[in-house]
Amino acid sequence: MQLSTTPPTSHRPFIRGPTVTAPFRGRIAKWYLPAVAMIGIGFGISNYYTTQVQSQYEFAEAEQERLRRNQQLMDAYGDKDNVQDLQRALDTYRPQ
């Protein structure tokens, strides 16, 4: 039996294990992600603003139609003092 004081050596002593290094990023690559994020945020804000303006326009248009219809009904009823006013009100409702 042979006793050795030196530790066993590998047959490939100069090969190191795999190392992980961060890839080199240039000046442009450093600003790429923040620039894309800002473009995305701007796009989202633009879409939100456009949607809000469109919905306000549609609401105003519907409100105008409602007011026009209410005025038409008020004109159709008239004073309701005589039969002619009531007949005109009924004629207004019939085409609908």
C-alpha atoms as a PDB file:
ATOM      1  CA  MET A   1       0.000   0.000   0.000  1.00  0.00           C
ATOM      2  CA  GLN A   2       1.374   3.314  -1.000  1.00  0.00           C
ATOM      3  CA  LEU A   3       0.614   6.495   0.909  1.00  0.00           C
ATOM      4  CA  SER A   4       0.820   9.719  -1.030  1.00  0.00           C
ATOM      5  CA  THR A   5       1.017  13.168   0.482  1.00  0.00           C
ATOM      6  CA  THR A   6       0.147  14.946  -2.736  1.00  0.00           C
ATOM      7  CA  PRO A   7      -3.450  15.122  -3.840  1.00  0.00           C
ATOM      8  CA  PRO A   8      -4.379  13.327  -7.018  1.00  0.00           C
ATOM      9  CA  THR A   9      -4.084  15.584 -10.043  1.00  0.00           C
ATOM     10  CA  SER A  10      -6.387  15.753 -12.988  1.00  0.00           C
ATOM     11  CA  HIS A  11      -5.088  14.787 -16.380  1.00  0.00           C
ATOM     12  CA  ARG A  12      -6.342  18.208 -17.653  1.00  0.00           C
ATOM     13  CA  PRO A  13      -5.151  20.711 -15.067  1.00  0.00           C
ATOM     14  CA  PHE A  14      -5.399  23.886 -17.202  1.00  0.00           C
ATOM     15  CA  ILE A  15      -9.006  23.575 -18.404  1.00  0.00           C
ATOM     16  CA  ARG A  16     -11.399  25.577 -16.281  1.00  0.00           C
ATOM     17  CA  GLY A  17     -15.107  25.028 -15.889  1.00  0.00           C
ATOM     18  CA  PRO A  18     -17.664  27.054 -17.819  1.00  0.00           C
ATOM     19  CA  THR A  19     -17.859  30.697 -16.839  1.00  0.00           C
ATOM     20  CA  VAL A  20     -20.792  33.002 -17.356  1.00  0.00           C
ATOM     21  CA  THR A  21     -19.934  36.488 -18.472  1.00  0.00           C
ATOM     22  CA  ALA A  22     -22.333  39.277 -19.248  1.00  0.00           C
ATOM     23  CA  PRO A  23     -22.433  40.094 -22.945  1.00  0.00           C
ATOM     24  CA  PHE A  24     -20.979  43.430 -23.966  1.00  0.00           C
ATOM     25  CA  ARG A  25     -23.629  46.042 -24.526  1.00  0.00           C
ATOM     26  CA  GLY A  26     -22.768  49.170 -26.428  1.00  0.00           C
ATOM     27  CA  ARG A  27     -24.073  52.660 -25.859  1.00  0.00           C
ATOM     28  CA  ILE A  28     -27.099  52.151 -28.105  1.00  0.00           C
ATOM     29  CA  ALA A  29     -28.080  48.844 -26.510  1.00  0.00           C
ATOM     30  CA  LYS A  30     -28.042  50.462 -23.075  1.00  0.00           C
ATOM     31  CA  TRP A  31     -30.832  52.850 -24.118  1.00  0.00           C
ATOM     32  CA  TYR A  32     -32.803  50.416 -26.272  1.00  0.00           C
ATOM     33  CA  LEU A  33     -35.082  48.975 -23.556  1.00  0.00           C
ATOM     34  CA  PRO A  34     -35.960  52.343 -21.952  1.00  0.00           C
ATOM     35  CA  ALA A  35     -36.619  53.847 -25.388  1.00  0.00           C
ATOM     36  CA  VAL A  36     -38.961  51.005 -26.358  1.00  0.00           C
ATOM     37  CA  ALA A  37     -40.705  51.306 -22.983  1.00  0.00           C
ATOM     38  CA  MET A  38     -41.268  55.035 -23.483  1.00  0.00           C
ATOM     39  CA  ILE A  39     -42.621  54.448 -26.990  1.00  0.00           C
ATOM     40  CA  GLY A  40     -45.016  51.831 -25.596  1.00  0.00           C
ATOM     41  CA  ILE A  41     -46.188  54.150 -22.830  1.00  0.00           C
ATOM     42  CA  GLY A  42     -46.712  56.961 -25.339  1.00  0.00           C
ATOM     43  CA  PHE A  43     -48.692  54.633 -27.585  1.00  0.00           C
ATOM     44  CA  GLY A  44     -50.897  53.585 -24.663  1.00  0.00           C
ATOM     45  CA  ILE A  45     -51.552  57.182 -23.625  1.00  0.00           C
ATOM     46  CA  SER A  46     -52.376  58.114 -27.211  1.00  0.00           C
ATOM     47  CA  ASN A  47     -54.854  55.247 -27.536  1.00  0.00           C
ATOM     48  CA  TYR A  48     -56.472  56.126 -24.203  1.00  0.00           C
ATOM     49  CA  TYR A  49     -56.856  59.785 -25.217  1.00  0.00           C
ATOM     50  CA  THR A  50     -58.302  58.857 -28.623  1.00  0.00           C
ATOM     51  CA  THR A  51     -60.794  56.471 -27.015  1.00  0.00           C
ATOM     52  CA  GLN A  52     -61.895  59.087 -24.490  1.00  0.00           C
ATOM     53  CA  VAL A  53     -62.413  61.751 -27.157  1.00  0.00           C
ATOM     54  CA  GLN A  54     -64.370  59.293 -29.323  1.00  0.00           C
ATOM     55  CA  SER A  55     -66.626  58.241 -26.431  1.00  0.00           C
ATOM     56  CA  GLN A  56     -67.262  61.880 -25.466  1.00  0.00           C
ATOM     57  CA  TYR A  57     -68.198  62.657 -29.066  1.00  0.00           C
ATOM     58  CA  GLU A  58     -70.579  59.683 -29.224  1.00  0.00           C
ATOM     59  CA  PHE A  59     -72.138  60.671 -25.890  1.00  0.00           C
ATOM     60  CA  ALA A  60     -72.662  64.266 -27.051  1.00  0.00           C
ATOM     61  CA  GLU A  61     -74.184  63.029 -30.301  1.00  0.00           C
ATOM     62  CA  ALA A  62     -76.579  60.710 -28.429  1.00  0.00           C
ATOM     63  CA  GLU A  63     -77.491  63.532 -26.050  1.00  0.00           C
ATOM     64  CA  GLN A  64     -78.313  65.826 -28.979  1.00  0.00           C
ATOM     65  CA  GLU A  65     -80.502  63.116 -30.500  1.00  0.00           C
ATOM     66  CA  ARG A  66     -82.276  62.604 -27.158  1.00  0.00           C
ATOM     67  CA  LEU A  67     -82.920  66.345 -26.765  1.00  0.00           C
ATOM     68  CA  ARG A  68     -84.188  66.579 -30.352  1.00  0.00           C
ATOM     69  CA  ARG A  69     -86.547  63.648 -29.752  1.00  0.00           C
ATOM     70  CA  ASN A  70     -87.812  65.134 -26.481  1.00  0.00           C
ATOM     71  CA  GLN A  71     -88.463  68.471 -28.163  1.00  0.00           C
ATOM     72  CA  GLN A  72     -90.309  66.690 -30.960  1.00  0.00           C
ATOM     73  CA  LEU A  73     -92.522  64.928 -28.410  1.00  0.00           C
ATOM     74  CA  MET A  74     -93.176  68.167 -26.544  1.00  0.00           C
ATOM     75  CA  ASP A  75     -94.177  69.822 -29.823  1.00  0.00           C
ATOM     76  CA  ALA A  76     -96.416  66.876 -30.675  1.00  0.00           C
ATOM     77  CA  TYR A  77     -98.330  67.027 -27.411  1.00  0.00           C
ATOM     78  CA  GLY A  78     -98.985  70.736 -27.667  1.00  0.00           C
ATOM     79  CA  ASP A  79    -101.309  72.243 -25.079  1.00  0.00           C
ATOM     80  CA  LYS A  80    -103.725  69.294 -25.148  1.00  0.00           C
ATOM     81  CA  ASP A  81    -106.587  71.743 -24.845  1.00  0.00           C
ATOM     82  CA  ASN A  82    -108.479  70.528 -27.862  1.00  0.00           C
ATOM     83  CA  VAL A  83    -109.017  67.417 -29.958  1.00  0.00           C
ATOM     84  CA  GLN A  84    -106.746  68.627 -32.780  1.00  0.00           C
ATOM     85  CA  ASP A  85    -103.704  68.708 -30.465  1.00  0.00           C
ATOM     86  CA  LEU A  86    -104.425  65.186 -29.241  1.00  0.00           C
ATOM     87  CA  GLN A  87    -104.919  63.968 -32.811  1.00  0.00           C
ATOM     88  CA  ARG A  88    -101.573  65.503 -33.842  1.00  0.00           C
ATOM     89  CA  ALA A  89     -99.882  63.755 -30.892  1.00  0.00           C
ATOM     90  CA  LEU A  90    -101.348  60.398 -31.936  1.00  0.00           C
ATOM     91  CA  ASP A  91    -100.236  60.973 -35.539  1.00  0.00           C
ATOM     92  CA  THR A  92     -96.710  61.582 -34.293  1.00  0.00           C
ATOM     93  CA  TYR A  93     -96.634  58.250 -32.457  1.00  0.00           C
ATOM     94  CA  ARG A  94     -98.157  56.131 -35.258  1.00  0.00           C
ATOM     95  CA  PRO A  95     -95.203  56.134 -37.724  1.00  0.00           C
ATOM     96  CA  GLN A  96     -92.891  54.780 -35.069  1.00  0.00           C
END
